[in-house]
Amino acid sequence: MKAIPGKKKKVAAVVRRKPFDKVEEKTKIKIVEEIKTGMISFLGASRKYRVPRNTIKAWAGKLNLTTLLNADNSSADPKSGIKVTHQENT
């Protein structure tokens, strides 16, 4: 079979994805805050920032856990490390 003179043969191009970059902590917090406030969904954030959806969900879980731990430690006795819920009057 002869090739048509005006047409070129298509060559499959190898498309390589860009390797993932590390995301700064400030950017992680910004993304999670946008999701918490309802400005954007997990899927929308994934597309906007080009970060996997499950990675963003993991950040949200870690940042939420960190926030909860910080809130619990604020009412802890610094000497004993035990949380003080109430003190009895004696």
PDB file of N, CA and C in Angstrom:
ATOM      1  N   MET A   1       0.836  -1.168   0.000  1.00  0.00           N
ATOM      2  CA  MET A   1       0.000   0.000   0.000  1.00  0.00           C
ATOM      3  C   MET A   1       0.889   1.242   0.000  1.00  0.00           C
ATOM      4  N   LYS A   2       0.612   2.128  -0.905  1.00  0.00           N
ATOM      5  CA  LYS A   2       1.417   3.338  -1.021  1.00  0.00           C
ATOM      6  C   LYS A   2       0.887   4.419  -0.093  1.00  0.00           C
ATOM      7  N   ALA A   3       1.804   5.231   0.393  1.00  0.00           N
ATOM      8  CA  ALA A   3       1.425   6.343   1.259  1.00  0.00           C
ATOM      9  C   ALA A   3       0.892   7.479   0.414  1.00  0.00           C
ATOM     10  N   ILE A   4      -0.066   8.189   0.939  1.00  0.00           N
ATOM     11  CA  ILE A   4      -0.624   9.348   0.252  1.00  0.00           C
ATOM     12  C   ILE A   4       0.384  10.474   0.400  1.00  0.00           C
ATOM     13  N   PRO A   5       0.737  11.154  -0.706  1.00  0.00           N
ATOM     14  CA  PRO A   5       1.798  12.157  -0.655  1.00  0.00           C
ATOM     15  C   PRO A   5       1.551  13.315   0.315  1.00  0.00           C
ATOM     16  N   GLY A   6       0.325  13.740   0.521  1.00  0.00           N
ATOM     17  CA  GLY A   6       0.062  14.909   1.358  1.00  0.00           C
ATOM     18  C   GLY A   6      -0.110  14.597   2.842  1.00  0.00           C
ATOM     19  N   LYS A   7      -0.195  13.335   3.211  1.00  0.00           N
ATOM     20  CA  LYS A   7      -0.450  12.981   4.607  1.00  0.00           C
ATOM     21  C   LYS A   7       0.805  12.426   5.254  1.00  0.00           C
ATOM     22  N   LYS A   8       0.997  12.793   6.494  1.00  0.00           N
ATOM     23  CA  LYS A   8       2.126  12.277   7.256  1.00  0.00           C
ATOM     24  C   LYS A   8       1.642  11.179   8.181  1.00  0.00           C
ATOM     25  N   LYS A   9       2.509  10.282   8.447  1.00  0.00           N
ATOM     26  CA  LYS A   9       2.195   9.179   9.338  1.00  0.00           C
ATOM     27  C   LYS A   9       2.239   9.683  10.783  1.00  0.00           C
ATOM     28  N   LYS A  10       1.218   9.337  11.569  1.00  0.00           N
ATOM     29  CA  LYS A  10       1.188   9.769  12.965  1.00  0.00           C
ATOM     30  C   LYS A  10       2.114   8.897  13.796  1.00  0.00           C
ATOM     31  N   VAL A  11       2.893   9.541  14.611  1.00  0.00           N
ATOM     32  CA  VAL A  11       3.796   8.830  15.507  1.00  0.00           C
ATOM     33  C   VAL A  11       3.280   9.031  16.920  1.00  0.00           C
ATOM     34  N   ALA A  12       3.153   7.944  17.647  1.00  0.00           N
ATOM     35  CA  ALA A  12       2.672   8.039  19.026  1.00  0.00           C
ATOM     36  C   ALA A  12       3.722   8.738  19.881  1.00  0.00           C
ATOM     37  N   ALA A  13       3.299   9.775  20.553  1.00  0.00           N
ATOM     38  CA  ALA A  13       4.204  10.521  21.421  1.00  0.00           C
ATOM     39  C   ALA A  13       4.114   9.971  22.838  1.00  0.00           C
ATOM     40  N   VAL A  14       5.237   9.893  23.473  1.00  0.00           N
ATOM     41  CA  VAL A  14       5.265   9.439  24.856  1.00  0.00           C
ATOM     42  C   VAL A  14       5.053  10.660  25.742  1.00  0.00           C
ATOM     43  N   VAL A  15       3.972  10.637  26.488  1.00  0.00           N
ATOM     44  CA  VAL A  15       3.668  11.753  27.370  1.00  0.00           C
ATOM     45  C   VAL A  15       4.106  11.365  28.772  1.00  0.00           C
ATOM     46  N   ARG A  16       4.995  12.123  29.308  1.00  0.00           N
ATOM     47  CA  ARG A  16       5.466  11.854  30.661  1.00  0.00           C
ATOM     48  C   ARG A  16       4.863  12.880  31.592  1.00  0.00           C
ATOM     49  N   ARG A  17       4.372  12.382  32.694  1.00  0.00           N
ATOM     50  CA  ARG A  17       3.786  13.307  33.651  1.00  0.00           C
ATOM     51  C   ARG A  17       4.890  14.003  34.430  1.00  0.00           C
ATOM     52  N   LYS A  18       4.574  15.164  34.890  1.00  0.00           N
ATOM     53  CA  LYS A  18       5.499  15.922  35.711  1.00  0.00           C
ATOM     54  C   LYS A  18       5.573  15.253  37.082  1.00  0.00           C
ATOM     55  N   PRO A  19       6.762  15.033  37.617  1.00  0.00           N
ATOM     56  CA  PRO A  19       6.840  14.416  38.946  1.00  0.00           C
ATOM     57  C   PRO A  19       6.226  15.335  39.997  1.00  0.00           C
ATOM     58  N   PHE A  20       5.662  14.721  41.019  1.00  0.00           N
ATOM     59  CA  PHE A  20       5.022  15.503  42.063  1.00  0.00           C
ATOM     60  C   PHE A  20       6.051  16.319  42.831  1.00  0.00           C
ATOM     61  N   ASP A  21       5.706  17.554  43.094  1.00  0.00           N
ATOM     62  CA  ASP A  21       6.551  18.416  43.911  1.00  0.00           C
ATOM     63  C   ASP A  21       6.048  18.371  45.340  1.00  0.00           C
ATOM     64  N   LYS A  22       6.927  18.693  46.272  1.00  0.00           N
ATOM     65  CA  LYS A  22       6.483  18.795  47.656  1.00  0.00           C
ATOM     66  C   LYS A  22       5.671  20.072  47.793  1.00  0.00           C
ATOM     67  N   VAL A  23       4.602  19.976  48.530  1.00  0.00           N
ATOM     68  CA  VAL A  23       3.726  21.122  48.731  1.00  0.00           C
ATOM     69  C   VAL A  23       4.076  21.743  50.075  1.00  0.00           C
ATOM     70  N   GLU A  24       4.210  23.058  50.084  1.00  0.00           N
ATOM     71  CA  GLU A  24       4.556  23.754  51.322  1.00  0.00           C
ATOM     72  C   GLU A  24       3.425  23.651  52.333  1.00  0.00           C
ATOM     73  N   GLU A  25       3.785  23.746  53.601  1.00  0.00           N
ATOM     74  CA  GLU A  25       2.810  23.622  54.685  1.00  0.00           C
ATOM     75  C   GLU A  25       1.740  24.713  54.592  1.00  0.00           C
ATOM     76  N   LYS A  26       2.145  25.937  54.214  1.00  0.00           N
ATOM     77  CA  LYS A  26       1.177  27.033  54.083  1.00  0.00           C
ATOM     78  C   LYS A  26       0.129  26.717  53.022  1.00  0.00           C
ATOM     79  N   THR A  27       0.583  26.130  51.924  1.00  0.00           N
ATOM     80  CA  THR A  27      -0.339  25.783  50.845  1.00  0.00           C
ATOM     81  C   THR A  27      -1.288  24.682  51.282  1.00  0.00           C
ATOM     82  N   LYS A  28      -0.778  23.698  52.026  1.00  0.00           N
ATOM     83  CA  LYS A  28      -1.630  22.619  52.537  1.00  0.00           C
ATOM     84  C   LYS A  28      -2.740  23.191  53.408  1.00  0.00           C
ATOM     85  N   ILE A  29      -2.367  24.086  54.316  1.00  0.00           N
ATOM     86  CA  ILE A  29      -3.344  24.691  55.223  1.00  0.00           C
ATOM     87  C   ILE A  29      -4.371  25.492  54.425  1.00  0.00           C
ATOM     88  N   LYS A  30      -3.908  26.227  53.410  1.00  0.00           N
ATOM     89  CA  LYS A  30      -4.812  27.026  52.576  1.00  0.00           C
ATOM     90  C   LYS A  30      -5.831  26.136  51.873  1.00  0.00           C
ATOM     91  N   ILE A  31      -5.362  25.024  51.313  1.00  0.00           N
ATOM     92  CA  ILE A  31      -6.255  24.107  50.597  1.00  0.00           C
ATOM     93  C   ILE A  31      -7.295  23.531  51.544  1.00  0.00           C
ATOM     94  N   VAL A  32      -6.839  23.076  52.716  1.00  0.00           N
ATOM     95  CA  VAL A  32      -7.757  22.463  53.683  1.00  0.00           C
ATOM     96  C   VAL A  32      -8.760  23.493  54.196  1.00  0.00           C
ATOM     97  N   GLU A  33      -8.330  24.728  54.418  1.00  0.00           N
ATOM     98  CA  GLU A  33      -9.246  25.780  54.877  1.00  0.00           C
ATOM     99  C   GLU A  33     -10.308  26.076  53.817  1.00  0.00           C
ATOM    100  N   GLU A  34      -9.904  26.090  52.542  1.00  0.00           N
ATOM    101  CA  GLU A  34     -10.881  26.313  51.469  1.00  0.00           C
ATOM    102  C   GLU A  34     -11.937  25.217  51.467  1.00  0.00           C
ATOM    103  N   ILE A  35     -11.511  23.993  51.722  1.00  0.00           N
ATOM    104  CA  ILE A  35     -12.455  22.872  51.753  1.00  0.00           C
ATOM    105  C   ILE A  35     -13.361  22.972  52.972  1.00  0.00           C
ATOM    106  N   LYS A  36     -12.783  23.301  54.134  1.00  0.00           N
ATOM    107  CA  LYS A  36     -13.576  23.392  55.369  1.00  0.00           C
ATOM    108  C   LYS A  36     -14.642  24.474  55.283  1.00  0.00           C
ATOM    109  N   THR A  37     -14.311  25.590  54.643  1.00  0.00           N
ATOM    110  CA  THR A  37     -15.267  26.689  54.541  1.00  0.00           C
ATOM    111  C   THR A  37     -16.294  26.457  53.435  1.00  0.00           C
ATOM    112  N   GLY A  38     -16.093  25.425  52.636  1.00  0.00           N
ATOM    113  CA  GLY A  38     -17.052  25.105  51.584  1.00  0.00           C
ATOM    114  C   GLY A  38     -16.823  25.855  50.287  1.00  0.00           C
ATOM    115  N   MET A  39     -15.700  26.532  50.164  1.00  0.00           N
ATOM    116  CA  MET A  39     -15.409  27.269  48.941  1.00  0.00           C
ATOM    117  C   MET A  39     -15.133  26.325  47.769  1.00  0.00           C
ATOM    118  N   ILE A  40     -14.627  25.134  48.082  1.00  0.00           N
ATOM    119  CA  ILE A  40     -14.212  24.202  47.041  1.00  0.00           C
ATOM    120  C   ILE A  40     -14.359  22.780  47.583  1.00  0.00           C
ATOM    121  N   SER A  41     -14.543  21.829  46.701  1.00  0.00           N
ATOM    122  CA  SER A  41     -14.660  20.426  47.122  1.00  0.00           C
ATOM    123  C   SER A  41     -13.282  19.760  47.052  1.00  0.00           C
ATOM    124  N   PHE A  42     -13.204  18.529  47.554  1.00  0.00           N
ATOM    125  CA  PHE A  42     -11.948  17.789  47.466  1.00  0.00           C
ATOM    126  C   PHE A  42     -11.548  17.596  46.007  1.00  0.00           C
ATOM    127  N   LEU A  43     -12.523  17.243  45.174  1.00  0.00           N
ATOM    128  CA  LEU A  43     -12.237  17.026  43.759  1.00  0.00           C
ATOM    129  C   LEU A  43     -11.823  18.334  43.084  1.00  0.00           C
ATOM    130  N   GLY A  44     -12.508  19.421  43.424  1.00  0.00           N
ATOM    131  CA  GLY A  44     -12.158  20.720  42.857  1.00  0.00           C
ATOM    132  C   GLY A  44     -10.762  21.165  43.264  1.00  0.00           C
ATOM    133  N   ALA A  45     -10.419  20.939  44.527  1.00  0.00           N
ATOM    134  CA  ALA A  45      -9.083  21.296  45.011  1.00  0.00           C
ATOM    135  C   ALA A  45      -8.027  20.438  44.328  1.00  0.00           C
ATOM    136  N   SER A  46      -8.359  19.171  44.132  1.00  0.00           N
ATOM    137  CA  SER A  46      -7.429  18.262  43.463  1.00  0.00           C
ATOM    138  C   SER A  46      -7.126  18.747  42.049  1.00  0.00           C
ATOM    139  N   ARG A  47      -8.150  19.160  41.359  1.00  0.00           N
ATOM    140  CA  ARG A  47      -7.965  19.650  39.988  1.00  0.00           C
ATOM    141  C   ARG A  47      -7.258  21.003  39.964  1.00  0.00           C
ATOM    142  N   LYS A  48      -7.640  21.890  40.871  1.00  0.00           N
ATOM    143  CA  LYS A  48      -7.084  23.244  40.895  1.00  0.00           C
ATOM    144  C   LYS A  48      -5.595  23.240  41.231  1.00  0.00           C
ATOM    145  N   TYR A  49      -5.219  22.467  42.247  1.00  0.00           N
ATOM    146  CA  TYR A  49      -3.838  22.476  42.723  1.00  0.00           C
ATOM    147  C   TYR A  49      -3.003  21.318  42.185  1.00  0.00           C
ATOM    148  N   ARG A  50      -3.631  20.437  41.374  1.00  0.00           N
ATOM    149  CA  ARG A  50      -2.944  19.293  40.771  1.00  0.00           C
ATOM    150  C   ARG A  50      -2.281  18.407  41.820  1.00  0.00           C
ATOM    151  N   VAL A  51      -3.076  18.078  42.838  1.00  0.00           N
ATOM    152  CA  VAL A  51      -2.641  17.196  43.919  1.00  0.00           C
ATOM    153  C   VAL A  51      -3.678  16.086  44.014  1.00  0.00           C
ATOM    154  N   PRO A  52      -3.256  14.844  44.217  1.00  0.00           N
ATOM    155  CA  PRO A  52      -4.235  13.759  44.319  1.00  0.00           C
ATOM    156  C   PRO A  52      -5.273  13.995  45.417  1.00  0.00           C
ATOM    157  N   ARG A  53      -6.510  13.618  45.122  1.00  0.00           N
ATOM    158  CA  ARG A  53      -7.631  13.831  46.039  1.00  0.00           C
ATOM    159  C   ARG A  53      -7.403  13.157  47.389  1.00  0.00           C
ATOM    160  N   ASN A  54      -6.888  11.940  47.376  1.00  0.00           N
ATOM    161  CA  ASN A  54      -6.666  11.228  48.629  1.00  0.00           C
ATOM    162  C   ASN A  54      -5.553  11.863  49.458  1.00  0.00           C
ATOM    163  N   THR A  55      -4.600  12.492  48.808  1.00  0.00           N
ATOM    164  CA  THR A  55      -3.550  13.209  49.529  1.00  0.00           C
ATOM    165  C   THR A  55      -4.160  14.385  50.279  1.00  0.00           C
ATOM    166  N   ILE A  56      -5.064  15.107  49.629  1.00  0.00           N
ATOM    167  CA  ILE A  56      -5.721  16.244  50.277  1.00  0.00           C
ATOM    168  C   ILE A  56      -6.568  15.758  51.449  1.00  0.00           C
ATOM    169  N   LYS A  57      -7.242  14.613  51.279  1.00  0.00           N
ATOM    170  CA  LYS A  57      -8.032  14.059  52.383  1.00  0.00           C
ATOM    171  C   LYS A  57      -7.137  13.687  53.561  1.00  0.00           C
ATOM    172  N   ALA A  58      -5.954  13.172  53.274  1.00  0.00           N
ATOM    173  CA  ALA A  58      -5.010  12.835  54.344  1.00  0.00           C
ATOM    174  C   ALA A  58      -4.553  14.097  55.068  1.00  0.00           C
ATOM    175  N   TRP A  59      -4.279  15.170  54.318  1.00  0.00           N
ATOM    176  CA  TRP A  59      -3.891  16.431  54.946  1.00  0.00           C
ATOM    177  C   TRP A  59      -5.000  16.937  55.851  1.00  0.00           C
ATOM    178  N   ALA A  60      -6.232  16.859  55.367  1.00  0.00           N
ATOM    179  CA  ALA A  60      -7.371  17.341  56.153  1.00  0.00           C
ATOM    180  C   ALA A  60      -7.475  16.559  57.456  1.00  0.00           C
ATOM    181  N   GLY A  61      -7.276  15.262  57.390  1.00  0.00           N
ATOM    182  CA  GLY A  61      -7.327  14.444  58.597  1.00  0.00           C
ATOM    183  C   GLY A  61      -6.218  14.791  59.566  1.00  0.00           C
ATOM    184  N   LYS A  62      -5.007  14.963  59.053  1.00  0.00           N
ATOM    185  CA  LYS A  62      -3.870  15.293  59.915  1.00  0.00           C
ATOM    186  C   LYS A  62      -4.027  16.677  60.529  1.00  0.00           C
ATOM    187  N   LEU A  63      -4.442  17.648  59.719  1.00  0.00           N
ATOM    188  CA  LEU A  63      -4.594  19.007  60.242  1.00  0.00           C
ATOM    189  C   LEU A  63      -5.730  19.076  61.248  1.00  0.00           C
ATOM    190  N   ASN A  64      -6.794  18.331  61.030  1.00  0.00           N
ATOM    191  CA  ASN A  64      -7.902  18.292  61.972  1.00  0.00           C
ATOM    192  C   ASN A  64      -7.445  17.651  63.275  1.00  0.00           C
ATOM    193  N   LEU A  65      -6.677  16.569  63.185  1.00  0.00           N
ATOM    194  CA  LEU A  65      -6.161  15.894  64.366  1.00  0.00           C
ATOM    195  C   LEU A  65      -5.222  16.815  65.131  1.00  0.00           C
ATOM    196  N   THR A  66      -4.366  17.535  64.419  1.00  0.00           N
ATOM    197  CA  THR A  66      -3.448  18.470  65.057  1.00  0.00           C
ATOM    198  C   THR A  66      -4.223  19.551  65.794  1.00  0.00           C
ATOM    199  N   THR A  67      -5.279  20.051  65.186  1.00  0.00           N
ATOM    200  CA  THR A  67      -6.099  21.078  65.817  1.00  0.00           C
ATOM    201  C   THR A  67      -6.746  20.542  67.082  1.00  0.00           C
ATOM    202  N   LEU A  68      -7.264  19.325  67.010  1.00  0.00           N
ATOM    203  CA  LEU A  68      -7.894  18.722  68.185  1.00  0.00           C
ATOM    204  C   LEU A  68      -6.880  18.491  69.298  1.00  0.00           C
ATOM    205  N   LEU A  69      -5.692  18.032  68.946  1.00  0.00           N
ATOM    206  CA  LEU A  69      -4.670  17.800  69.961  1.00  0.00           C
ATOM    207  C   LEU A  69      -4.249  19.107  70.622  1.00  0.00           C
ATOM    208  N   ASN A  70      -4.120  20.165  69.844  1.00  0.00           N
ATOM    209  CA  ASN A  70      -3.750  21.462  70.407  1.00  0.00           C
ATOM    210  C   ASN A  70      -4.840  21.978  71.333  1.00  0.00           C
ATOM    211  N   ALA A  71      -6.087  21.767  70.993  1.00  0.00           N
ATOM    212  CA  ALA A  71      -7.193  22.208  71.840  1.00  0.00           C
ATOM    213  C   ALA A  71      -7.202  21.425  73.147  1.00  0.00           C
ATOM    214  N   ASP A  72      -6.934  20.122  73.091  1.00  0.00           N
ATOM    215  CA  ASP A  72      -6.893  19.305  74.301  1.00  0.00           C
ATOM    216  C   ASP A  72      -5.723  19.696  75.195  1.00  0.00           C
ATOM    217  N   ASN A  73      -4.592  19.997  74.619  1.00  0.00           N
ATOM    218  CA  ASN A  73      -3.412  20.336  75.407  1.00  0.00           C
ATOM    219  C   ASN A  73      -3.518  21.710  76.048  1.00  0.00           C
ATOM    220  N   SER A  74      -4.382  22.559  75.557  1.00  0.00           N
ATOM    221  CA  SER A  74      -4.504  23.895  76.132  1.00  0.00           C
ATOM    222  C   SER A  74      -5.092  23.845  77.534  1.00  0.00           C
ATOM    223  N   SER A  75      -5.871  22.802  77.839  1.00  0.00           N
ATOM    224  CA  SER A  75      -6.448  22.691  79.171  1.00  0.00           C
ATOM    225  C   SER A  75      -5.710  21.657  80.014  1.00  0.00           C
ATOM    226  N   ALA A  76      -4.525  21.266  79.591  1.00  0.00           N
ATOM    227  CA  ALA A  76      -3.764  20.260  80.329  1.00  0.00           C
ATOM    228  C   ALA A  76      -2.881  20.926  81.376  1.00  0.00           C
ATOM    229  N   ASP A  77      -2.629  20.194  82.444  1.00  0.00           N
ATOM    230  CA  ASP A  77      -1.712  20.649  83.479  1.00  0.00           C
ATOM    231  C   ASP A  77      -0.300  20.489  82.924  1.00  0.00           C
ATOM    232  N   PRO A  78       0.472  21.564  82.781  1.00  0.00           N
ATOM    233  CA  PRO A  78       1.776  21.457  82.135  1.00  0.00           C
ATOM    234  C   PRO A  78       2.762  20.578  82.906  1.00  0.00           C
ATOM    235  N   LYS A  79       2.616  20.481  84.237  1.00  0.00           N
ATOM    236  CA  LYS A  79       3.562  19.688  85.020  1.00  0.00           C
ATOM    237  C   LYS A  79       3.312  18.198  84.867  1.00  0.00           C
ATOM    238  N   SER A  80       2.068  17.799  84.922  1.00  0.00           N
ATOM    239  CA  SER A  80       1.772  16.367  84.892  1.00  0.00           C
ATOM    240  C   SER A  80       1.421  15.864  83.502  1.00  0.00           C
ATOM    241  N   GLY A  81       1.016  16.758  82.609  1.00  0.00           N
ATOM    242  CA  GLY A  81       0.601  16.329  81.284  1.00  0.00           C
ATOM    243  C   GLY A  81      -0.783  15.712  81.285  1.00  0.00           C
ATOM    244  N   ILE A  82      -1.514  15.841  82.403  1.00  0.00           N
ATOM    245  CA  ILE A  82      -2.849  15.280  82.528  1.00  0.00           C
ATOM    246  C   ILE A  82      -3.865  16.386  82.322  1.00  0.00           C
ATOM    247  N   LYS A  83      -4.890  16.071  81.569  1.00  0.00           N
ATOM    248  CA  LYS A  83      -5.935  17.047  81.297  1.00  0.00           C
ATOM    249  C   LYS A  83      -6.760  17.281  82.559  1.00  0.00           C
ATOM    250  N   VAL A  84      -6.981  18.556  82.889  1.00  0.00           N
ATOM    251  CA  VAL A  84      -7.764  18.921  84.065  1.00  0.00           C
ATOM    252  C   VAL A  84      -9.161  19.295  83.595  1.00  0.00           C
ATOM    253  N   THR A  85     -10.164  18.514  83.985  1.00  0.00           N
ATOM    254  CA  THR A  85     -11.531  18.808  83.575  1.00  0.00           C
ATOM    255  C   THR A  85     -12.222  19.705  84.586  1.00  0.00           C
ATOM    256  N   HIS A  86     -12.053  19.436  85.868  1.00  0.00           N
ATOM    257  CA  HIS A  86     -12.591  20.295  86.911  1.00  0.00           C
ATOM    258  C   HIS A  86     -11.823  20.032  88.201  1.00  0.00           C
ATOM    259  N   GLN A  87     -11.858  21.002  89.100  1.00  0.00           N
ATOM    260  CA  GLN A  87     -11.174  20.843  90.377  1.00  0.00           C
ATOM    261  C   GLN A  87     -12.206  20.865  91.487  1.00  0.00           C
ATOM    262  N   GLU A  88     -12.003  20.005  92.471  1.00  0.00           N
ATOM    263  CA  GLU A  88     -12.919  19.959  93.604  1.00  0.00           C
ATOM    264  C   GLU A  88     -12.541  21.040  94.603  1.00  0.00           C
ATOM    265  N   ASN A  89     -13.545  21.649  95.206  1.00  0.00           N
ATOM    266  CA  ASN A  89     -13.299  22.651  96.241  1.00  0.00           C
ATOM    267  C   ASN A  89     -13.155  21.938  97.576  1.00  0.00           C
ATOM    268  N   THR A  90     -11.986  22.031  98.194  1.00  0.00           N
ATOM    269  CA  THR A  90     -11.769  21.397  99.503  1.00  0.00           C
ATOM    270  C   THR A  90     -11.357  22.404 100.526  1.00  0.00           C
TER     271      THR A  90
END
